[in-house]
Amino acid sequence: PEVAEVEQRLGAPQQTMTDFRGGLHLTWIGTRHKLEASFDKGRLYALTLTDLKTGHGEQVFESSARWQSF
């Protein structure tokens, strides 16, 4: 999904950040969890869910298109 689709579904994020490559990172913070969606050129490439009590996070989605050979 694109940024507008995610914001329409989840509402406005509590935090936004743009990285050095122009990637957009949006964060929604609930009472027990934090959800971070990362976008490259407007398309979702990673989704991370973090438990606020334990601090442990889990990547629940990562686009295989983001993998690059070295």
PDB file of N, CA and C in Angstrom:
ATOM      1  N   PRO A   1       0.823  -1.209   0.000  1.00  0.00           N
ATOM      2  CA  PRO A   1       0.000   0.000   0.000  1.00  0.00           C
ATOM      3  C   PRO A   1       0.860   1.265   0.000  1.00  0.00           C
ATOM      4  N   GLU A   2       0.274   2.342  -0.405  1.00  0.00           N
ATOM      5  CA  GLU A   2       0.937   3.634  -0.413  1.00  0.00           C
ATOM      6  C   GLU A   2       0.671   4.363   0.903  1.00  0.00           C
ATOM      7  N   VAL A   3       1.417   5.445   1.136  1.00  0.00           N
ATOM      8  CA  VAL A   3       1.337   6.213   2.380  1.00  0.00           C
ATOM      9  C   VAL A   3      -0.106   6.645   2.664  1.00  0.00           C
ATOM     10  N   ALA A   4      -0.773   7.211   1.692  1.00  0.00           N
ATOM     11  CA  ALA A   4      -2.141   7.715   1.905  1.00  0.00           C
ATOM     12  C   ALA A   4      -3.103   6.602   2.313  1.00  0.00           C
ATOM     13  N   GLU A   5      -2.930   5.415   1.745  1.00  0.00           N
ATOM     14  CA  GLU A   5      -3.796   4.285   2.092  1.00  0.00           C
ATOM     15  C   GLU A   5      -3.600   3.865   3.543  1.00  0.00           C
ATOM     16  N   VAL A   6      -2.361   3.836   3.996  1.00  0.00           N
ATOM     17  CA  VAL A   6      -2.060   3.440   5.379  1.00  0.00           C
ATOM     18  C   VAL A   6      -2.587   4.488   6.354  1.00  0.00           C
ATOM     19  N   GLU A   7      -2.351   5.776   6.047  1.00  0.00           N
ATOM     20  CA  GLU A   7      -2.844   6.836   6.929  1.00  0.00           C
ATOM     21  C   GLU A   7      -4.364   6.856   6.976  1.00  0.00           C
ATOM     22  N   GLN A   8      -5.013   6.558   5.866  1.00  0.00           N
ATOM     23  CA  GLN A   8      -6.473   6.520   5.851  1.00  0.00           C
ATOM     24  C   GLN A   8      -6.982   5.408   6.770  1.00  0.00           C
ATOM     25  N   ARG A   9      -6.291   4.300   6.773  1.00  0.00           N
ATOM     26  CA  ARG A   9      -6.706   3.138   7.580  1.00  0.00           C
ATOM     27  C   ARG A   9      -6.391   3.320   9.067  1.00  0.00           C
ATOM     28  N   LEU A  10      -5.175   3.856   9.376  1.00  0.00           N
ATOM     29  CA  LEU A  10      -4.727   3.945  10.767  1.00  0.00           C
ATOM     30  C   LEU A  10      -4.868   5.333  11.389  1.00  0.00           C
ATOM     31  N   GLY A  11      -5.140   6.338  10.589  1.00  0.00           N
ATOM     32  CA  GLY A  11      -5.192   7.703  11.094  1.00  0.00           C
ATOM     33  C   GLY A  11      -3.812   8.339  11.012  1.00  0.00           C
ATOM     34  N   ALA A  12      -3.723   9.556  11.472  1.00  0.00           N
ATOM     35  CA  ALA A  12      -2.454  10.289  11.426  1.00  0.00           C
ATOM     36  C   ALA A  12      -1.445   9.673  12.394  1.00  0.00           C
ATOM     37  N   PRO A  13      -0.190   9.532  11.967  1.00  0.00           N
ATOM     38  CA  PRO A  13       0.835   8.969  12.857  1.00  0.00           C
ATOM     39  C   PRO A  13       1.233   9.977  13.938  1.00  0.00           C
ATOM     40  N   GLN A  14       1.733   9.454  15.068  1.00  0.00           N
ATOM     41  CA  GLN A  14       2.214  10.325  16.141  1.00  0.00           C
ATOM     42  C   GLN A  14       3.617  10.856  15.848  1.00  0.00           C
ATOM     43  N   GLN A  15       4.395  10.122  15.075  1.00  0.00           N
ATOM     44  CA  GLN A  15       5.759  10.543  14.740  1.00  0.00           C
ATOM     45  C   GLN A  15       6.008  10.307  13.263  1.00  0.00           C
ATOM     46  N   THR A  16       6.769  11.218  12.651  1.00  0.00           N
ATOM     47  CA  THR A  16       7.213  11.032  11.277  1.00  0.00           C
ATOM     48  C   THR A  16       8.688  11.399  11.197  1.00  0.00           C
ATOM     49  N   MET A  17       9.398  10.710  10.307  1.00  0.00           N
ATOM     50  CA  MET A  17      10.812  10.985  10.109  1.00  0.00           C
ATOM     51  C   MET A  17      11.149  10.670   8.654  1.00  0.00           C
ATOM     52  N   THR A  18      12.045  11.460   8.083  1.00  0.00           N
ATOM     53  CA  THR A  18      12.553  11.191   6.747  1.00  0.00           C
ATOM     54  C   THR A  18      14.032  10.865   6.886  1.00  0.00           C
ATOM     55  N   ASP A  19      14.459   9.743   6.294  1.00  0.00           N
ATOM     56  CA  ASP A  19      15.872   9.371   6.405  1.00  0.00           C
ATOM     57  C   ASP A  19      16.704  10.056   5.323  1.00  0.00           C
ATOM     58  N   PHE A  20      18.002   9.822   5.334  1.00  0.00           N
ATOM     59  CA  PHE A  20      18.921  10.515   4.434  1.00  0.00           C
ATOM     60  C   PHE A  20      18.673  10.186   2.961  1.00  0.00           C
ATOM     61  N   ARG A  21      18.019   9.070   2.668  1.00  0.00           N
ATOM     62  CA  ARG A  21      17.720   8.692   1.290  1.00  0.00           C
ATOM     63  C   ARG A  21      16.338   9.165   0.841  1.00  0.00           C
ATOM     64  N   GLY A  22      15.616   9.821   1.726  1.00  0.00           N
ATOM     65  CA  GLY A  22      14.273  10.283   1.392  1.00  0.00           C
ATOM     66  C   GLY A  22      13.185   9.311   1.783  1.00  0.00           C
ATOM     67  N   GLY A  23      13.547   8.219   2.461  1.00  0.00           N
ATOM     68  CA  GLY A  23      12.557   7.257   2.933  1.00  0.00           C
ATOM     69  C   GLY A  23      11.732   7.858   4.061  1.00  0.00           C
ATOM     70  N   LEU A  24      10.477   7.542   4.097  1.00  0.00           N
ATOM     71  CA  LEU A  24       9.566   8.066   5.108  1.00  0.00           C
ATOM     72  C   LEU A  24       9.255   6.985   6.130  1.00  0.00           C
ATOM     73  N   HIS A  25       9.340   7.347   7.416  1.00  0.00           N
ATOM     74  CA  HIS A  25       9.062   6.419   8.513  1.00  0.00           C
ATOM     75  C   HIS A  25       7.950   7.022   9.364  1.00  0.00           C
ATOM     76  N   LEU A  26       6.829   6.323   9.456  1.00  0.00           N
ATOM     77  CA  LEU A  26       5.677   6.774  10.229  1.00  0.00           C
ATOM     78  C   LEU A  26       5.490   5.864  11.429  1.00  0.00           C
ATOM     79  N   THR A  27       5.178   6.448  12.580  1.00  0.00           N
ATOM     80  CA  THR A  27       5.028   5.667  13.806  1.00  0.00           C
ATOM     81  C   THR A  27       3.699   5.982  14.481  1.00  0.00           C
ATOM     82  N   TRP A  28       2.975   4.911  14.800  1.00  0.00           N
ATOM     83  CA  TRP A  28       1.743   5.011  15.578  1.00  0.00           C
ATOM     84  C   TRP A  28       2.028   4.386  16.934  1.00  0.00           C
ATOM     85  N   ILE A  29       1.656   5.088  18.013  1.00  0.00           N
ATOM     86  CA  ILE A  29       1.960   4.619  19.358  1.00  0.00           C
ATOM     87  C   ILE A  29       0.648   4.413  20.114  1.00  0.00           C
ATOM     88  N   GLY A  30       0.434   3.175  20.539  1.00  0.00           N
ATOM     89  CA  GLY A  30      -0.751   2.837  21.313  1.00  0.00           C
ATOM     90  C   GLY A  30      -0.397   2.710  22.782  1.00  0.00           C
ATOM     91  N   THR A  31      -1.266   2.118  23.556  1.00  0.00           N
ATOM     92  CA  THR A  31      -1.018   1.962  24.987  1.00  0.00           C
ATOM     93  C   THR A  31      -0.059   0.810  25.274  1.00  0.00           C
ATOM     94  N   ARG A  32      -0.019  -0.203  24.383  1.00  0.00           N
ATOM     95  CA  ARG A  32       0.842  -1.370  24.614  1.00  0.00           C
ATOM     96  C   ARG A  32       1.855  -1.630  23.509  1.00  0.00           C
ATOM     97  N   HIS A  33       1.613  -1.074  22.315  1.00  0.00           N
ATOM     98  CA  HIS A  33       2.480  -1.369  21.181  1.00  0.00           C
ATOM     99  C   HIS A  33       2.801  -0.118  20.379  1.00  0.00           C
ATOM    100  N   LYS A  34       3.882  -0.199  19.628  1.00  0.00           N
ATOM    101  CA  LYS A  34       4.279   0.849  18.693  1.00  0.00           C
ATOM    102  C   LYS A  34       4.401   0.192  17.318  1.00  0.00           C
ATOM    103  N   LEU A  35       3.828   0.809  16.305  1.00  0.00           N
ATOM    104  CA  LEU A  35       3.866   0.293  14.944  1.00  0.00           C
ATOM    105  C   LEU A  35       4.616   1.288  14.073  1.00  0.00           C
ATOM    106  N   GLU A  36       5.673   0.825  13.404  1.00  0.00           N
ATOM    107  CA  GLU A  36       6.424   1.692  12.504  1.00  0.00           C
ATOM    108  C   GLU A  36       6.313   1.155  11.086  1.00  0.00           C
ATOM    109  N   ALA A  37       5.894   2.026  10.178  1.00  0.00           N
ATOM    110  CA  ALA A  37       5.791   1.695   8.760  1.00  0.00           C
ATOM    111  C   ALA A  37       6.854   2.495   8.017  1.00  0.00           C
ATOM    112  N   SER A  38       7.635   1.815   7.200  1.00  0.00           N
ATOM    113  CA  SER A  38       8.712   2.459   6.446  1.00  0.00           C
ATOM    114  C   SER A  38       8.374   2.417   4.963  1.00  0.00           C
ATOM    115  N   PHE A  39       8.538   3.568   4.303  1.00  0.00           N
ATOM    116  CA  PHE A  39       8.185   3.711   2.902  1.00  0.00           C
ATOM    117  C   PHE A  39       9.385   4.180   2.099  1.00  0.00           C
ATOM    118  N   ASP A  40       9.498   3.679   0.882  1.00  0.00           N
ATOM    119  CA  ASP A  40      10.517   4.119  -0.061  1.00  0.00           C
ATOM    120  C   ASP A  40       9.792   4.495  -1.345  1.00  0.00           C
ATOM    121  N   LYS A  41       9.939   5.753  -1.750  1.00  0.00           N
ATOM    122  CA  LYS A  41       9.248   6.269  -2.945  1.00  0.00           C
ATOM    123  C   LYS A  41       7.741   6.064  -2.829  1.00  0.00           C
ATOM    124  N   GLY A  42       7.209   6.247  -1.621  1.00  0.00           N
ATOM    125  CA  GLY A  42       5.775   6.173  -1.393  1.00  0.00           C
ATOM    126  C   GLY A  42       5.195   4.782  -1.219  1.00  0.00           C
ATOM    127  N   ARG A  43       6.026   3.739  -1.305  1.00  0.00           N
ATOM    128  CA  ARG A  43       5.528   2.366  -1.176  1.00  0.00           C
ATOM    129  C   ARG A  43       6.050   1.726   0.110  1.00  0.00           C
ATOM    130  N   LEU A  44       5.184   1.010   0.804  1.00  0.00           N
ATOM    131  CA  LEU A  44       5.554   0.324   2.040  1.00  0.00           C
ATOM    132  C   LEU A  44       6.607  -0.741   1.756  1.00  0.00           C
ATOM    133  N   TYR A  45       7.704  -0.727   2.545  1.00  0.00           N
ATOM    134  CA  TYR A  45       8.695  -1.797   2.392  1.00  0.00           C
ATOM    135  C   TYR A  45       8.984  -2.521   3.699  1.00  0.00           C
ATOM    136  N   ALA A  46       8.589  -1.954   4.839  1.00  0.00           N
ATOM    137  CA  ALA A  46       8.810  -2.650   6.110  1.00  0.00           C
ATOM    138  C   ALA A  46       7.782  -2.197   7.135  1.00  0.00           C
ATOM    139  N   LEU A  47       7.405  -3.146   7.992  1.00  0.00           N
ATOM    140  CA  LEU A  47       6.446  -2.883   9.055  1.00  0.00           C
ATOM    141  C   LEU A  47       6.959  -3.559  10.315  1.00  0.00           C
ATOM    142  N   THR A  48       7.138  -2.779  11.378  1.00  0.00           N
ATOM    143  CA  THR A  48       7.693  -3.293  12.622  1.00  0.00           C
ATOM    144  C   THR A  48       6.731  -3.015  13.769  1.00  0.00           C
ATOM    145  N   LEU A  49       6.495  -4.038  14.593  1.00  0.00           N
ATOM    146  CA  LEU A  49       5.635  -3.924  15.764  1.00  0.00           C
ATOM    147  C   LEU A  49       6.494  -4.123  17.009  1.00  0.00           C
ATOM    148  N   THR A  50       6.424  -3.177  17.945  1.00  0.00           N
ATOM    149  CA  THR A  50       7.226  -3.242  19.163  1.00  0.00           C
ATOM    150  C   THR A  50       6.328  -3.222  20.388  1.00  0.00           C
ATOM    151  N   ASP A  51       6.593  -4.125  21.330  1.00  0.00           N
ATOM    152  CA  ASP A  51       5.891  -4.173  22.614  1.00  0.00           C
ATOM    153  C   ASP A  51       6.509  -3.099  23.503  1.00  0.00           C
ATOM    154  N   LEU A  52       5.729  -2.132  23.935  1.00  0.00           N
ATOM    155  CA  LEU A  52       6.262  -1.026  24.732  1.00  0.00           C
ATOM    156  C   LEU A  52       6.697  -1.457  26.130  1.00  0.00           C
ATOM    157  N   LYS A  53       6.110  -2.513  26.673  1.00  0.00           N
ATOM    158  CA  LYS A  53       6.470  -2.972  28.018  1.00  0.00           C
ATOM    159  C   LYS A  53       7.833  -3.654  28.025  1.00  0.00           C
ATOM    160  N   THR A  54       8.068  -4.527  27.045  1.00  0.00           N
ATOM    161  CA  THR A  54       9.328  -5.281  27.019  1.00  0.00           C
ATOM    162  C   THR A  54      10.397  -4.633  26.153  1.00  0.00           C
ATOM    163  N   GLY A  55       9.969  -3.785  25.206  1.00  0.00           N
ATOM    164  CA  GLY A  55      10.912  -3.180  24.278  1.00  0.00           C
ATOM    165  C   GLY A  55      11.284  -4.095  23.119  1.00  0.00           C
ATOM    166  N   HIS A  56      10.732  -5.302  23.102  1.00  0.00           N
ATOM    167  CA  HIS A  56      11.033  -6.247  22.034  1.00  0.00           C
ATOM    168  C   HIS A  56      10.179  -5.939  20.810  1.00  0.00           C
ATOM    169  N   GLY A  57      10.831  -5.964  19.656  1.00  0.00           N
ATOM    170  CA  GLY A  57      10.133  -5.690  18.415  1.00  0.00           C
ATOM    171  C   GLY A  57      10.207  -6.861  17.467  1.00  0.00           C
ATOM    172  N   GLU A  58       9.348  -6.819  16.476  1.00  0.00           N
ATOM    173  CA  GLU A  58       9.273  -7.899  15.492  1.00  0.00           C
ATOM    174  C   GLU A  58       8.935  -7.282  14.142  1.00  0.00           C
ATOM    175  N   GLN A  59       9.701  -7.638  13.128  1.00  0.00           N
ATOM    176  CA  GLN A  59       9.408  -7.182  11.781  1.00  0.00           C
ATOM    177  C   GLN A  59       8.320  -8.086  11.219  1.00  0.00           C
ATOM    178  N   VAL A  60       7.145  -7.509  10.957  1.00  0.00           N
ATOM    179  CA  VAL A  60       6.026  -8.311  10.497  1.00  0.00           C
ATOM    180  C   VAL A  60       5.889  -8.297   8.979  1.00  0.00           C
ATOM    181  N   PHE A  61       6.598  -7.389   8.326  1.00  0.00           N
ATOM    182  CA  PHE A  61       6.587  -7.346   6.868  1.00  0.00           C
ATOM    183  C   PHE A  61       7.867  -6.690   6.387  1.00  0.00           C
ATOM    184  N   GLU A  62       8.459  -7.276   5.355  1.00  0.00           N
ATOM    185  CA  GLU A  62       9.579  -6.650   4.670  1.00  0.00           C
ATOM    186  C   GLU A  62       9.507  -7.052   3.211  1.00  0.00           C
ATOM    187  N   SER A  63       9.492  -6.070   2.343  1.00  0.00           N
ATOM    188  CA  SER A  63       9.391  -6.331   0.912  1.00  0.00           C
ATOM    189  C   SER A  63      10.672  -6.954   0.396  1.00  0.00           C
ATOM    190  N   SER A  64      10.549  -8.039  -0.365  1.00  0.00           N
ATOM    191  CA  SER A  64      11.732  -8.671  -0.943  1.00  0.00           C
ATOM    192  C   SER A  64      12.367  -7.778  -2.002  1.00  0.00           C
ATOM    193  N   ALA A  65      11.630  -6.789  -2.501  1.00  0.00           N
ATOM    194  CA  ALA A  65      12.177  -5.862  -3.493  1.00  0.00           C
ATOM    195  C   ALA A  65      13.265  -4.982  -2.892  1.00  0.00           C
ATOM    196  N   ARG A  66      13.344  -4.902  -1.573  1.00  0.00           N
ATOM    197  CA  ARG A  66      14.341  -4.072  -0.902  1.00  0.00           C
ATOM    198  C   ARG A  66      15.703  -4.749  -0.843  1.00  0.00           C
ATOM    199  N   TRP A  67      15.785  -6.049  -1.061  1.00  0.00           N
ATOM    200  CA  TRP A  67      17.057  -6.749  -0.977  1.00  0.00           C
ATOM    201  C   TRP A  67      17.931  -6.365  -2.149  1.00  0.00           C
ATOM    202  N   GLN A  68      19.201  -6.112  -1.854  1.00  0.00           N
ATOM    203  CA  GLN A  68      20.163  -5.740  -2.894  1.00  0.00           C
ATOM    204  C   GLN A  68      21.384  -6.637  -2.773  1.00  0.00           C
ATOM    205  N   SER A  69      21.979  -6.973  -3.898  1.00  0.00           N
ATOM    206  CA  SER A  69      23.214  -7.770  -3.856  1.00  0.00           C
ATOM    207  C   SER A  69      24.387  -6.847  -3.544  1.00  0.00           C
ATOM    208  N   PHE A  70      25.392  -7.408  -2.858  1.00  0.00           N
ATOM    209  CA  PHE A  70      26.576  -6.620  -2.497  1.00  0.00           C
ATOM    210  C   PHE A  70      27.774  -7.175  -3.205  1.00  0.00           C
TER     211      PHE A  70
END
